[in-house]
Amino acid sequence: MASSEGHAMLFARELSKYDGLKSDIGRNVERQRQLLQLLDEKQAAFRASFGFSEWRQACEVSCSVE
């Protein structure tokens, strides 16, 4: 049993070396989520301000005319 506990402690200690890295990755993932949300909002605003839906419909109509 002592050997098993020693391995578990060793394993836990080795994994703890990466706690800082895991924290950095967590912060970076959260920041990426925020940036993607911001991009979605900006894209929606761009589409609305330049009439993207109307432009798209006009393109489809002009392509289907024979």
N, C-alpha and C. Protein backbone atom coordinates (compact mmCIF):
# COMPACT_ATOMS: atom_id res chain seq x y z
N MET A 1 0.81 -1.20 0.00
CA MET A 1 0.00 0.00 0.00
C MET A 1 0.86 1.26 0.00
N ALA A 2 1.92 1.25 0.73
CA ALA A 2 2.78 2.43 0.80
C ALA A 2 3.31 2.78 -0.58
N SER A 3 3.64 1.78 -1.34
CA SER A 3 4.15 2.01 -2.69
C SER A 3 3.07 2.64 -3.57
N SER A 4 1.85 2.17 -3.44
CA SER A 4 0.74 2.71 -4.22
C SER A 4 0.48 4.17 -3.85
N GLU A 5 0.52 4.48 -2.56
CA GLU A 5 0.32 5.85 -2.12
C GLU A 5 1.48 6.72 -2.59
N GLY A 6 2.67 6.18 -2.59
CA GLY A 6 3.83 6.93 -3.06
C GLY A 6 3.70 7.28 -4.54
N HIS A 7 3.20 6.33 -5.32
CA HIS A 7 3.00 6.59 -6.75
C HIS A 7 1.93 7.66 -6.96
N ALA A 8 0.87 7.58 -6.15
CA ALA A 8 -0.21 8.56 -6.27
C ALA A 8 0.30 9.96 -5.91
N MET A 9 1.11 10.04 -4.87
CA MET A 9 1.66 11.34 -4.48
C MET A 9 2.61 11.87 -5.54
N LEU A 10 3.42 10.99 -6.08
CA LEU A 10 4.35 11.38 -7.14
C LEU A 10 3.57 11.89 -8.36
N PHE A 11 2.54 11.16 -8.73
CA PHE A 11 1.72 11.52 -9.87
C PHE A 11 1.07 12.89 -9.64
N ALA A 12 0.51 13.09 -8.44
CA ALA A 12 -0.14 14.37 -8.11
C ALA A 12 0.88 15.51 -8.13
N ARG A 13 2.08 15.26 -7.61
CA ARG A 13 3.10 16.30 -7.61
C ARG A 13 3.53 16.65 -9.04
N GLU A 14 3.69 15.65 -9.88
CA GLU A 14 4.08 15.90 -11.26
C GLU A 14 2.99 16.67 -12.01
N LEU A 15 1.74 16.33 -11.77
CA LEU A 15 0.65 17.05 -12.42
C LEU A 15 0.56 18.49 -11.94
N SER A 16 0.89 18.72 -10.67
CA SER A 16 0.78 20.07 -10.12
C SER A 16 1.76 21.04 -10.81
N LYS A 17 2.76 20.52 -11.46
CA LYS A 17 3.70 21.37 -12.19
C LYS A 17 3.01 22.14 -13.31
N TYR A 18 1.88 21.62 -13.75
CA TYR A 18 1.18 22.21 -14.88
C TYR A 18 0.01 23.08 -14.47
N ASP A 19 -0.15 23.32 -13.17
CA ASP A 19 -1.28 24.13 -12.70
C ASP A 19 -1.25 25.54 -13.29
N GLY A 20 -0.10 26.16 -13.33
CA GLY A 20 0.00 27.50 -13.91
C GLY A 20 -0.36 27.51 -15.38
N LEU A 21 0.11 26.53 -16.11
CA LEU A 21 -0.19 26.42 -17.53
C LEU A 21 -1.68 26.20 -17.75
N LYS A 22 -2.28 25.34 -16.95
CA LYS A 22 -3.72 25.09 -17.06
C LYS A 22 -4.51 26.37 -16.78
N SER A 23 -4.05 27.16 -15.84
CA SER A 23 -4.70 28.42 -15.52
C SER A 23 -4.59 29.39 -16.70
N ASP A 24 -3.39 29.48 -17.28
CA ASP A 24 -3.19 30.34 -18.45
C ASP A 24 -4.09 29.92 -19.61
N ILE A 25 -4.18 28.64 -19.84
CA ILE A 25 -5.01 28.13 -20.93
C ILE A 25 -6.48 28.46 -20.67
N GLY A 26 -6.92 28.31 -19.43
CA GLY A 26 -8.30 28.65 -19.09
C GLY A 26 -8.61 30.11 -19.36
N ARG A 27 -7.69 31.00 -18.98
CA ARG A 27 -7.87 32.43 -19.25
C ARG A 27 -7.89 32.71 -20.75
N ASN A 28 -7.00 32.05 -21.49
CA ASN A 28 -6.95 32.27 -22.94
C ASN A 28 -8.21 31.77 -23.63
N VAL A 29 -8.74 30.65 -23.19
CA VAL A 29 -9.97 30.13 -23.77
C VAL A 29 -11.13 31.09 -23.51
N GLU A 30 -11.19 31.61 -22.30
CA GLU A 30 -12.24 32.58 -21.96
C GLU A 30 -12.09 33.84 -22.81
N ARG A 31 -10.88 34.32 -23.00
CA ARG A 31 -10.65 35.51 -23.82
C ARG A 31 -11.04 35.26 -25.28
N GLN A 32 -10.74 34.08 -25.78
CA GLN A 32 -11.13 33.74 -27.15
C GLN A 32 -12.66 33.71 -27.28
N ARG A 33 -13.33 33.19 -26.25
CA ARG A 33 -14.79 33.17 -26.28
C ARG A 33 -15.33 34.60 -26.34
N GLN A 34 -14.74 35.49 -25.55
CA GLN A 34 -15.17 36.89 -25.56
C GLN A 34 -14.92 37.54 -26.92
N LEU A 35 -13.77 37.25 -27.51
CA LEU A 35 -13.44 37.83 -28.81
C LEU A 35 -14.38 37.32 -29.90
N LEU A 36 -14.71 36.03 -29.86
CA LEU A 36 -15.64 35.49 -30.85
C LEU A 36 -17.02 36.10 -30.70
N GLN A 37 -17.44 36.32 -29.47
CA GLN A 37 -18.73 36.97 -29.24
C GLN A 37 -18.71 38.39 -29.79
N LEU A 38 -17.62 39.11 -29.56
CA LEU A 38 -17.49 40.47 -30.08
C LEU A 38 -17.50 40.48 -31.61
N LEU A 39 -16.80 39.51 -32.22
CA LEU A 39 -16.81 39.43 -33.69
C LEU A 39 -18.21 39.16 -34.22
N ASP A 40 -18.94 38.28 -33.56
CA ASP A 40 -20.32 38.00 -33.98
C ASP A 40 -21.17 39.25 -33.92
N GLU A 41 -21.02 40.01 -32.82
CA GLU A 41 -21.79 41.25 -32.68
C GLU A 41 -21.41 42.26 -33.76
N LYS A 42 -20.13 42.41 -34.03
CA LYS A 42 -19.68 43.36 -35.04
C LYS A 42 -20.14 42.94 -36.44
N GLN A 43 -20.09 41.63 -36.72
CA GLN A 43 -20.54 41.16 -38.02
C GLN A 43 -22.04 41.42 -38.20
N ALA A 44 -22.82 41.18 -37.16
CA ALA A 44 -24.26 41.43 -37.23
C ALA A 44 -24.53 42.92 -37.47
N ALA A 45 -23.77 43.78 -36.79
CA ALA A 45 -23.94 45.22 -36.99
C ALA A 45 -23.55 45.62 -38.41
N PHE A 46 -22.48 45.04 -38.93
CA PHE A 46 -22.04 45.33 -40.29
C PHE A 46 -23.11 44.91 -41.30
N ARG A 47 -23.61 43.70 -41.13
CA ARG A 47 -24.63 43.21 -42.06
C ARG A 47 -25.87 44.10 -42.03
N ALA A 48 -26.27 44.49 -40.84
CA ALA A 48 -27.47 45.34 -40.71
C ALA A 48 -27.23 46.71 -41.33
N SER A 49 -26.08 47.31 -41.11
CA SER A 49 -25.85 48.66 -41.59
C SER A 49 -25.65 48.74 -43.10
N PHE A 50 -25.20 47.67 -43.72
CA PHE A 50 -24.98 47.68 -45.16
C PHE A 50 -26.04 46.90 -45.94
N GLY A 51 -27.12 46.51 -45.28
CA GLY A 51 -28.21 45.83 -45.97
C GLY A 51 -27.78 44.52 -46.61
N PHE A 52 -27.07 43.71 -45.88
CA PHE A 52 -26.54 42.46 -46.42
C PHE A 52 -27.65 41.55 -46.94
N SER A 53 -28.75 41.44 -46.21
CA SER A 53 -29.84 40.55 -46.64
C SER A 53 -30.41 40.99 -47.97
N GLU A 54 -30.63 42.29 -48.11
CA GLU A 54 -31.17 42.81 -49.37
C GLU A 54 -30.18 42.60 -50.52
N TRP A 55 -28.92 42.83 -50.26
CA TRP A 55 -27.88 42.63 -51.28
C TRP A 55 -27.85 41.17 -51.71
N ARG A 56 -27.92 40.27 -50.74
CA ARG A 56 -27.89 38.84 -51.04
C ARG A 56 -29.09 38.44 -51.90
N GLN A 57 -30.25 38.95 -51.55
CA GLN A 57 -31.45 38.64 -52.35
C GLN A 57 -31.30 39.18 -53.76
N ALA A 58 -30.78 40.38 -53.91
CA ALA A 58 -30.58 40.95 -55.25
C ALA A 58 -29.62 40.10 -56.07
N CYS A 59 -28.58 39.61 -55.43
CA CYS A 59 -27.62 38.74 -56.12
C CYS A 59 -28.29 37.45 -56.58
N GLU A 60 -29.09 36.85 -55.72
CA GLU A 60 -29.75 35.61 -56.07
C GLU A 60 -30.76 35.80 -57.18
N VAL A 61 -31.46 36.94 -57.15
CA VAL A 61 -32.43 37.24 -58.21
C VAL A 61 -31.71 37.44 -59.54
N SER A 62 -30.61 38.17 -59.51
CA SER A 62 -29.91 38.44 -60.77
C SER A 62 -29.27 37.17 -61.32
N CYS A 63 -28.91 36.24 -60.48
CA CYS A 63 -28.32 35.00 -60.96
C CYS A 63 -29.36 34.04 -61.54
N SER A 64 -30.59 34.17 -61.09
CA SER A 64 -31.63 33.25 -61.55
C SER A 64 -32.36 33.77 -62.78
N VAL A 65 -32.11 34.97 -63.21
CA VAL A 65 -32.75 35.55 -64.40
C VAL A 65 -32.13 34.93 -65.64
N GLU A 66 -33.00 34.49 -66.53
CA GLU A 66 -32.49 33.87 -67.77
C GLU A 66 -32.54 34.81 -68.92
